[in-house]
N, C-alpha and C. Protein backbone atom coordinates (compact mmCIF):
# COMPACT_ATOMS: atom_id res chain seq x y z
N MET A 1 -11.69 -25.62 -32.77
CA MET A 1 -11.99 -26.80 -33.55
C MET A 1 -13.50 -27.01 -33.66
N TYR A 2 -14.21 -26.90 -32.53
CA TYR A 2 -15.67 -27.09 -32.53
C TYR A 2 -16.34 -26.07 -33.43
N LYS A 3 -15.87 -24.81 -33.39
CA LYS A 3 -16.43 -23.76 -34.25
C LYS A 3 -16.22 -24.11 -35.72
N ASN A 4 -15.05 -24.64 -36.05
CA ASN A 4 -14.76 -25.04 -37.43
C ASN A 4 -15.67 -26.16 -37.88
N LEU A 5 -15.95 -27.11 -37.00
CA LEU A 5 -16.82 -28.23 -37.34
C LEU A 5 -18.24 -27.75 -37.60
N ILE A 6 -18.72 -26.83 -36.78
CA ILE A 6 -20.06 -26.27 -36.99
C ILE A 6 -20.11 -25.54 -38.32
N TYR A 7 -19.07 -24.75 -38.63
CA TYR A 7 -19.01 -24.02 -39.89
C TYR A 7 -19.02 -24.98 -41.08
N LEU A 8 -18.20 -26.03 -41.01
CA LEU A 8 -18.13 -27.00 -42.10
C LEU A 8 -19.47 -27.72 -42.25
N ASN A 9 -20.09 -28.11 -41.15
CA ASN A 9 -21.40 -28.75 -41.22
C ASN A 9 -22.43 -27.82 -41.84
N ASN A 10 -22.35 -26.53 -41.54
CA ASN A 10 -23.27 -25.55 -42.11
C ASN A 10 -23.09 -25.45 -43.62
N ILE A 11 -21.85 -25.42 -44.08
CA ILE A 11 -21.57 -25.37 -45.52
C ILE A 11 -22.14 -26.61 -46.19
N LEU A 12 -21.87 -27.78 -45.63
CA LEU A 12 -22.34 -29.02 -46.24
C LEU A 12 -23.85 -29.13 -46.21
N SER A 13 -24.49 -28.71 -45.11
CA SER A 13 -25.95 -28.80 -45.06
C SER A 13 -26.60 -27.82 -46.02
N ASN A 14 -26.01 -26.63 -46.18
CA ASN A 14 -26.53 -25.68 -47.17
C ASN A 14 -26.45 -26.26 -48.58
N LEU A 15 -25.34 -26.92 -48.87
CA LEU A 15 -25.15 -27.52 -50.19
C LEU A 15 -26.16 -28.65 -50.41
N LEU A 16 -26.29 -29.54 -49.43
CA LEU A 16 -27.23 -30.65 -49.56
C LEU A 16 -28.66 -30.15 -49.67
N ASP A 17 -29.02 -29.13 -48.88
CA ASP A 17 -30.36 -28.57 -48.94
C ASP A 17 -30.63 -27.97 -50.32
N SER A 18 -29.65 -27.29 -50.87
CA SER A 18 -29.80 -26.70 -52.20
C SER A 18 -29.97 -27.78 -53.26
N LEU A 19 -29.18 -28.82 -53.16
CA LEU A 19 -29.24 -29.89 -54.15
C LEU A 19 -30.58 -30.63 -54.10
N ALA A 20 -31.20 -30.70 -52.94
CA ALA A 20 -32.46 -31.42 -52.79
C ALA A 20 -33.58 -30.77 -53.59
N HIS A 21 -33.46 -29.49 -53.91
CA HIS A 21 -34.52 -28.76 -54.60
C HIS A 21 -34.28 -28.59 -56.10
N LEU A 22 -33.22 -29.17 -56.59
CA LEU A 22 -32.88 -29.02 -58.00
C LEU A 22 -33.42 -30.18 -58.82
N ASN A 23 -33.85 -29.88 -60.04
CA ASN A 23 -34.37 -30.95 -60.89
C ASN A 23 -33.31 -31.56 -61.81
N THR A 24 -32.10 -31.03 -61.76
CA THR A 24 -30.99 -31.56 -62.53
C THR A 24 -29.69 -31.10 -61.87
N SER A 25 -28.54 -31.41 -62.45
CA SER A 25 -27.27 -31.06 -61.83
C SER A 25 -26.99 -29.56 -61.91
N LEU A 26 -26.14 -29.09 -61.00
CA LEU A 26 -25.75 -27.68 -61.03
C LEU A 26 -25.04 -27.33 -62.34
N ALA A 27 -24.27 -28.26 -62.87
CA ALA A 27 -23.57 -28.01 -64.13
C ALA A 27 -24.56 -27.74 -65.26
N VAL A 28 -25.62 -28.55 -65.34
CA VAL A 28 -26.62 -28.37 -66.38
C VAL A 28 -27.38 -27.06 -66.17
N LEU A 29 -27.79 -26.80 -64.93
CA LEU A 29 -28.52 -25.56 -64.64
C LEU A 29 -27.67 -24.33 -64.96
N SER A 30 -26.41 -24.37 -64.58
CA SER A 30 -25.50 -23.26 -64.85
C SER A 30 -25.32 -23.06 -66.35
N SER A 31 -25.16 -24.15 -67.08
CA SER A 31 -25.01 -24.07 -68.53
C SER A 31 -26.26 -23.49 -69.17
N ASN A 32 -27.43 -23.93 -68.72
CA ASN A 32 -28.69 -23.40 -69.26
C ASN A 32 -28.81 -21.91 -69.00
N LEU A 33 -28.44 -21.49 -67.80
CA LEU A 33 -28.53 -20.08 -67.45
C LEU A 33 -27.55 -19.25 -68.29
N MET A 34 -26.35 -19.78 -68.53
CA MET A 34 -25.38 -19.06 -69.35
C MET A 34 -25.87 -18.89 -70.78
N GLN A 35 -26.63 -19.86 -71.28
CA GLN A 35 -27.14 -19.79 -72.65
C GLN A 35 -28.36 -18.88 -72.77
N SER A 36 -28.94 -18.54 -71.63
CA SER A 36 -30.10 -17.63 -71.65
C SER A 36 -29.59 -16.19 -71.72
N SER A 37 -30.49 -15.26 -71.64
CA SER A 37 -30.09 -13.84 -71.69
C SER A 37 -29.93 -13.25 -70.29
N HIS A 38 -29.70 -14.11 -69.30
CA HIS A 38 -29.54 -13.65 -67.92
C HIS A 38 -28.32 -12.74 -67.81
N SER A 39 -28.45 -11.65 -67.06
CA SER A 39 -27.36 -10.66 -67.00
C SER A 39 -26.46 -10.80 -65.77
N TYR A 40 -26.86 -11.58 -64.78
CA TYR A 40 -26.04 -11.80 -63.58
C TYR A 40 -25.72 -10.48 -62.86
N ASN A 41 -26.67 -9.58 -62.79
CA ASN A 41 -26.41 -8.26 -62.21
C ASN A 41 -25.91 -8.32 -60.77
N LEU A 42 -26.50 -9.17 -59.94
CA LEU A 42 -26.05 -9.25 -58.54
C LEU A 42 -24.62 -9.73 -58.45
N LEU A 43 -24.28 -10.73 -59.24
CA LEU A 43 -22.91 -11.24 -59.23
C LEU A 43 -21.94 -10.17 -59.71
N LYS A 44 -22.30 -9.45 -60.76
CA LYS A 44 -21.43 -8.40 -61.29
C LYS A 44 -21.19 -7.29 -60.27
N LYS A 45 -22.18 -7.03 -59.42
CA LYS A 45 -22.05 -5.98 -58.41
C LYS A 45 -21.32 -6.45 -57.15
N SER A 46 -21.19 -7.75 -56.97
CA SER A 46 -20.59 -8.28 -55.75
C SER A 46 -19.08 -8.03 -55.72
N SER A 47 -18.54 -8.10 -54.52
CA SER A 47 -17.09 -7.91 -54.35
C SER A 47 -16.30 -9.04 -54.99
N LEU A 48 -16.93 -10.18 -55.24
CA LEU A 48 -16.23 -11.29 -55.87
C LEU A 48 -15.73 -10.95 -57.26
N CYS A 49 -16.43 -10.04 -57.94
CA CYS A 49 -16.06 -9.69 -59.32
C CYS A 49 -15.35 -8.34 -59.39
N ARG A 50 -14.75 -7.93 -58.31
CA ARG A 50 -14.06 -6.64 -58.26
C ARG A 50 -12.57 -6.84 -58.04
N ASP A 51 -11.77 -5.92 -58.58
CA ASP A 51 -10.35 -5.95 -58.29
C ASP A 51 -10.09 -5.19 -57.00
N SER A 52 -8.84 -5.04 -56.63
CA SER A 52 -8.49 -4.39 -55.36
C SER A 52 -8.87 -2.90 -55.33
N ASN A 53 -9.12 -2.32 -56.51
CA ASN A 53 -9.54 -0.91 -56.59
C ASN A 53 -11.06 -0.76 -56.70
N GLY A 54 -11.78 -1.88 -56.62
CA GLY A 54 -13.23 -1.84 -56.68
C GLY A 54 -13.81 -1.84 -58.08
N ARG A 55 -12.96 -2.01 -59.09
CA ARG A 55 -13.44 -2.04 -60.48
C ARG A 55 -13.84 -3.46 -60.87
N PHE A 56 -14.83 -3.55 -61.76
CA PHE A 56 -15.30 -4.83 -62.25
C PHE A 56 -14.16 -5.58 -62.92
N ASN A 57 -14.04 -6.88 -62.63
CA ASN A 57 -12.99 -7.72 -63.18
C ASN A 57 -13.64 -8.83 -64.01
N GLN A 58 -13.55 -8.73 -65.32
CA GLN A 58 -14.19 -9.67 -66.23
C GLN A 58 -13.68 -11.10 -66.05
N LYS A 59 -12.38 -11.25 -65.78
CA LYS A 59 -11.81 -12.59 -65.61
C LYS A 59 -12.43 -13.30 -64.40
N LYS A 60 -12.57 -12.58 -63.29
CA LYS A 60 -13.19 -13.17 -62.11
C LYS A 60 -14.65 -13.54 -62.39
N PHE A 61 -15.35 -12.64 -63.06
CA PHE A 61 -16.74 -12.89 -63.40
C PHE A 61 -16.87 -14.16 -64.25
N ASP A 62 -16.05 -14.26 -65.30
CA ASP A 62 -16.11 -15.41 -66.20
C ASP A 62 -15.82 -16.73 -65.47
N VAL A 63 -14.85 -16.71 -64.55
CA VAL A 63 -14.48 -17.90 -63.80
C VAL A 63 -15.64 -18.39 -62.94
N LEU A 64 -16.40 -17.46 -62.37
CA LEU A 64 -17.48 -17.82 -61.46
C LEU A 64 -18.69 -18.43 -62.16
N LEU A 65 -18.74 -18.35 -63.47
CA LEU A 65 -19.88 -18.88 -64.22
C LEU A 65 -19.72 -20.35 -64.60
N LYS A 66 -18.58 -20.94 -64.32
CA LYS A 66 -18.33 -22.31 -64.74
C LYS A 66 -18.04 -23.20 -63.53
N LYS A 67 -18.36 -24.45 -63.68
CA LYS A 67 -18.11 -25.44 -62.65
C LYS A 67 -16.62 -25.59 -62.40
N ALA A 68 -16.27 -25.87 -61.16
CA ALA A 68 -14.87 -26.06 -60.80
C ALA A 68 -14.69 -27.42 -60.13
N ALA A 69 -13.47 -27.90 -60.11
CA ALA A 69 -13.15 -29.16 -59.44
C ALA A 69 -12.84 -28.89 -57.98
N PHE A 70 -13.11 -29.88 -57.14
CA PHE A 70 -12.80 -29.75 -55.71
C PHE A 70 -12.41 -31.11 -55.14
N PRO A 71 -11.36 -31.15 -54.33
CA PRO A 71 -10.94 -32.42 -53.71
C PRO A 71 -11.78 -32.74 -52.47
N HIS A 72 -12.97 -33.27 -52.67
CA HIS A 72 -13.95 -33.45 -51.60
C HIS A 72 -13.43 -34.27 -50.43
N GLU A 73 -12.70 -35.32 -50.69
CA GLU A 73 -12.25 -36.18 -49.59
C GLU A 73 -11.14 -35.56 -48.77
N LEU A 74 -10.60 -34.47 -49.25
CA LEU A 74 -9.62 -33.72 -48.48
C LEU A 74 -10.30 -32.91 -47.37
N THR A 75 -11.59 -32.73 -47.51
CA THR A 75 -12.35 -31.89 -46.59
C THR A 75 -12.79 -32.68 -45.36
N THR A 76 -11.82 -32.98 -44.51
CA THR A 76 -12.14 -33.66 -43.26
C THR A 76 -12.33 -32.66 -42.13
N SER A 77 -11.74 -31.48 -42.28
CA SER A 77 -11.91 -30.40 -41.30
C SER A 77 -11.41 -29.12 -41.93
N LEU A 78 -11.84 -28.00 -41.37
CA LEU A 78 -11.31 -26.72 -41.85
C LEU A 78 -9.84 -26.59 -41.51
N ASP A 79 -9.43 -27.13 -40.37
CA ASP A 79 -8.01 -27.09 -40.01
C ASP A 79 -7.16 -27.76 -41.08
N GLU A 80 -7.65 -28.87 -41.61
CA GLU A 80 -6.92 -29.57 -42.67
C GLU A 80 -6.84 -28.72 -43.93
N LEU A 81 -7.95 -28.06 -44.29
CA LEU A 81 -7.96 -27.22 -45.49
C LEU A 81 -7.07 -25.99 -45.33
N TYR A 82 -6.96 -25.47 -44.13
CA TYR A 82 -6.08 -24.31 -43.89
C TYR A 82 -4.61 -24.67 -44.14
N LYS A 83 -4.26 -25.93 -44.01
CA LYS A 83 -2.87 -26.36 -44.22
C LYS A 83 -2.44 -26.22 -45.68
N TYR A 84 -3.41 -26.31 -46.59
CA TYR A 84 -3.10 -26.25 -48.02
C TYR A 84 -3.11 -24.80 -48.48
N LYS A 85 -1.95 -24.30 -48.86
CA LYS A 85 -1.79 -22.91 -49.30
C LYS A 85 -1.87 -22.77 -50.81
N ASN A 86 -2.08 -23.89 -51.49
CA ASN A 86 -2.24 -23.95 -52.94
C ASN A 86 -3.21 -25.08 -53.25
N ILE A 87 -3.61 -25.17 -54.50
CA ILE A 87 -4.43 -26.32 -54.92
C ILE A 87 -3.56 -27.57 -54.78
N PRO A 88 -4.07 -28.60 -54.11
CA PRO A 88 -3.27 -29.82 -53.93
C PRO A 88 -3.06 -30.58 -55.23
N ASP A 89 -2.13 -31.50 -55.20
CA ASP A 89 -1.86 -32.33 -56.37
C ASP A 89 -3.13 -33.04 -56.82
N LYS A 90 -3.13 -33.39 -58.08
CA LYS A 90 -4.30 -34.02 -58.69
C LYS A 90 -4.71 -35.31 -57.98
N LYS A 91 -3.77 -36.02 -57.38
CA LYS A 91 -4.08 -37.28 -56.70
C LYS A 91 -5.07 -37.06 -55.55
N HIS A 92 -5.15 -35.85 -55.01
CA HIS A 92 -6.06 -35.53 -53.91
C HIS A 92 -7.50 -35.34 -54.39
N PHE A 93 -7.73 -35.41 -55.68
CA PHE A 93 -9.08 -35.30 -56.23
C PHE A 93 -9.70 -36.69 -56.43
N TYR A 94 -9.10 -37.67 -55.81
CA TYR A 94 -9.60 -39.05 -55.88
C TYR A 94 -10.91 -39.17 -55.11
N SER A 95 -11.84 -39.94 -55.65
CA SER A 95 -13.12 -40.20 -54.99
C SER A 95 -13.22 -41.68 -54.65
N SER A 96 -13.44 -41.99 -53.39
CA SER A 96 -13.61 -43.40 -53.00
C SER A 96 -14.95 -43.93 -53.48
N LEU A 97 -15.90 -43.04 -53.78
CA LEU A 97 -17.19 -43.48 -54.31
C LEU A 97 -17.07 -44.03 -55.73
N THR A 98 -16.36 -43.27 -56.57
CA THR A 98 -16.20 -43.70 -57.96
C THR A 98 -14.90 -44.48 -58.17
N GLN A 99 -14.03 -44.45 -57.18
CA GLN A 99 -12.73 -45.10 -57.21
C GLN A 99 -11.87 -44.63 -58.39
N ARG A 100 -11.91 -43.31 -58.59
CA ARG A 100 -11.07 -42.71 -59.62
C ARG A 100 -10.84 -41.24 -59.27
N ILE A 101 -9.89 -40.64 -59.95
CA ILE A 101 -9.62 -39.21 -59.78
C ILE A 101 -10.69 -38.44 -60.53
N GLU A 102 -11.40 -37.57 -59.82
CA GLU A 102 -12.53 -36.82 -60.39
C GLU A 102 -12.11 -35.45 -60.90
N CYS A 103 -10.99 -35.41 -61.61
CA CYS A 103 -10.46 -34.13 -62.08
C CYS A 103 -9.55 -34.38 -63.26
N THR A 104 -9.85 -33.75 -64.39
CA THR A 104 -8.97 -33.86 -65.55
C THR A 104 -7.78 -32.92 -65.37
N ASP A 105 -6.78 -33.06 -66.21
CA ASP A 105 -5.64 -32.15 -66.15
C ASP A 105 -6.10 -30.71 -66.37
N GLN A 106 -7.02 -30.52 -67.31
CA GLN A 106 -7.54 -29.19 -67.62
C GLN A 106 -8.30 -28.60 -66.42
N GLU A 107 -9.12 -29.41 -65.75
CA GLU A 107 -9.85 -28.94 -64.58
C GLU A 107 -8.90 -28.60 -63.43
N HIS A 108 -7.84 -29.39 -63.29
CA HIS A 108 -6.85 -29.13 -62.24
C HIS A 108 -6.13 -27.80 -62.51
N GLU A 109 -5.76 -27.57 -63.75
CA GLU A 109 -5.12 -26.29 -64.11
C GLU A 109 -6.08 -25.12 -63.87
N ARG A 110 -7.34 -25.33 -64.19
CA ARG A 110 -8.35 -24.28 -63.97
C ARG A 110 -8.50 -23.98 -62.48
N ALA A 111 -8.48 -25.00 -61.64
CA ALA A 111 -8.56 -24.81 -60.19
C ALA A 111 -7.37 -23.97 -59.71
N LYS A 112 -6.18 -24.26 -60.22
CA LYS A 112 -4.99 -23.47 -59.85
C LYS A 112 -5.13 -22.03 -60.33
N TYR A 113 -5.68 -21.84 -61.52
CA TYR A 113 -5.90 -20.50 -62.06
C TYR A 113 -6.86 -19.71 -61.16
N ILE A 114 -7.96 -20.34 -60.75
CA ILE A 114 -8.93 -19.69 -59.87
C ILE A 114 -8.27 -19.29 -58.55
N PHE A 115 -7.52 -20.21 -57.98
CA PHE A 115 -6.83 -19.97 -56.71
C PHE A 115 -5.92 -18.75 -56.82
N ASP A 116 -5.17 -18.67 -57.91
CA ASP A 116 -4.24 -17.55 -58.12
C ASP A 116 -4.99 -16.25 -58.46
N LEU A 117 -6.01 -16.33 -59.30
CA LEU A 117 -6.76 -15.15 -59.72
C LEU A 117 -7.37 -14.43 -58.52
N PHE A 118 -7.92 -15.18 -57.58
CA PHE A 118 -8.55 -14.58 -56.41
C PHE A 118 -7.57 -14.36 -55.26
N LYS A 119 -6.29 -14.67 -55.49
CA LYS A 119 -5.24 -14.49 -54.48
C LYS A 119 -5.63 -15.16 -53.17
N MET A 120 -6.04 -16.39 -53.27
CA MET A 120 -6.49 -17.14 -52.11
C MET A 120 -5.32 -17.51 -51.22
N LYS A 121 -5.61 -17.57 -49.93
CA LYS A 121 -4.56 -17.87 -48.96
C LYS A 121 -4.58 -19.33 -48.51
N SER A 122 -5.70 -20.02 -48.73
CA SER A 122 -5.80 -21.42 -48.34
C SER A 122 -6.95 -22.08 -49.09
N MET A 123 -7.06 -23.39 -48.92
CA MET A 123 -8.15 -24.13 -49.54
C MET A 123 -9.50 -23.78 -48.92
N VAL A 124 -9.51 -23.17 -47.75
CA VAL A 124 -10.78 -22.72 -47.17
C VAL A 124 -11.39 -21.63 -48.05
N CYS A 125 -10.59 -20.72 -48.55
CA CYS A 125 -11.07 -19.69 -49.47
C CYS A 125 -11.63 -20.34 -50.73
N TYR A 126 -10.91 -21.33 -51.25
CA TYR A 126 -11.37 -22.03 -52.45
C TYR A 126 -12.69 -22.74 -52.19
N LEU A 127 -12.84 -23.35 -51.01
CA LEU A 127 -14.09 -24.03 -50.65
C LEU A 127 -15.26 -23.05 -50.66
N LYS A 128 -15.04 -21.86 -50.14
CA LYS A 128 -16.11 -20.86 -50.10
C LYS A 128 -16.53 -20.45 -51.51
N VAL A 129 -15.59 -20.23 -52.39
CA VAL A 129 -15.93 -19.87 -53.77
C VAL A 129 -16.58 -21.05 -54.47
N TYR A 130 -16.07 -22.25 -54.24
CA TYR A 130 -16.63 -23.45 -54.84
C TYR A 130 -18.11 -23.62 -54.47
N ASN A 131 -18.44 -23.29 -53.25
CA ASN A 131 -19.82 -23.44 -52.76
C ASN A 131 -20.71 -22.24 -53.07
N LEU A 132 -20.21 -21.28 -53.79
CA LEU A 132 -20.97 -20.07 -54.09
C LEU A 132 -22.31 -20.37 -54.76
N LEU A 133 -22.35 -21.37 -55.60
CA LEU A 133 -23.60 -21.66 -56.31
C LEU A 133 -24.73 -22.06 -55.38
N GLY A 134 -24.41 -22.51 -54.20
CA GLY A 134 -25.44 -22.89 -53.24
C GLY A 134 -25.98 -21.73 -52.44
N LYS A 135 -25.53 -20.53 -52.71
CA LYS A 135 -25.94 -19.36 -51.94
C LYS A 135 -27.09 -18.62 -52.62
N SER A 136 -27.88 -17.93 -51.81
CA SER A 136 -28.95 -17.09 -52.35
C SER A 136 -28.34 -15.83 -52.95
N GLN A 137 -29.11 -15.11 -53.75
CA GLN A 137 -28.60 -13.88 -54.36
C GLN A 137 -28.23 -12.85 -53.30
N PHE A 138 -28.99 -12.78 -52.20
CA PHE A 138 -28.65 -11.85 -51.12
C PHE A 138 -27.31 -12.19 -50.51
N GLU A 139 -27.06 -13.48 -50.29
CA GLU A 139 -25.79 -13.91 -49.71
C GLU A 139 -24.63 -13.63 -50.65
N ILE A 140 -24.85 -13.76 -51.96
CA ILE A 140 -23.79 -13.49 -52.92
C ILE A 140 -23.35 -12.03 -52.82
N GLU A 141 -24.31 -11.12 -52.72
CA GLU A 141 -23.97 -9.70 -52.61
C GLU A 141 -23.13 -9.41 -51.39
N ASN A 142 -23.37 -10.11 -50.30
CA ASN A 142 -22.71 -9.83 -49.03
C ASN A 142 -21.67 -10.89 -48.65
N TYR A 143 -21.20 -11.63 -49.63
CA TYR A 143 -20.31 -12.76 -49.36
C TYR A 143 -18.90 -12.30 -49.09
N ASN A 144 -18.35 -12.72 -47.99
CA ASN A 144 -16.96 -12.43 -47.64
C ASN A 144 -16.18 -13.73 -47.74
N PHE A 145 -15.46 -13.93 -48.83
CA PHE A 145 -14.82 -15.22 -49.05
C PHE A 145 -13.36 -15.26 -48.65
N LEU A 146 -12.74 -14.16 -48.34
CA LEU A 146 -11.34 -14.18 -47.92
C LEU A 146 -11.27 -13.84 -46.48
């Protein structure tokens, strides 16, 4: 349990540290980068964009370029996330900060698609992919998300 708490705190601190250095939202930055002529070579070479035979998988690559929904308040511990073997119901995307569900039907379906495409075993795997944008290019190359 203590190891899981340290791991979760590390994920959250990496995300907060990354956000502190940005001049706009990740969604805007990602959109701007997609509209540029950036080739995403490191991402294309990473295991995240490969199928089980090591071949490049365009669907996985495309999914990783867009923002995804995440049920933040469900993240009370890694043990809790391990209990979820699928994307939880849309009601779990509720935010007490905004007092509304922070996920459209389309975003919820996309989250389920991502979960299935990467053959994830739990919400911990989904959390790791969700937080990918907060990683350095070196970490992306060596990222073990399953």
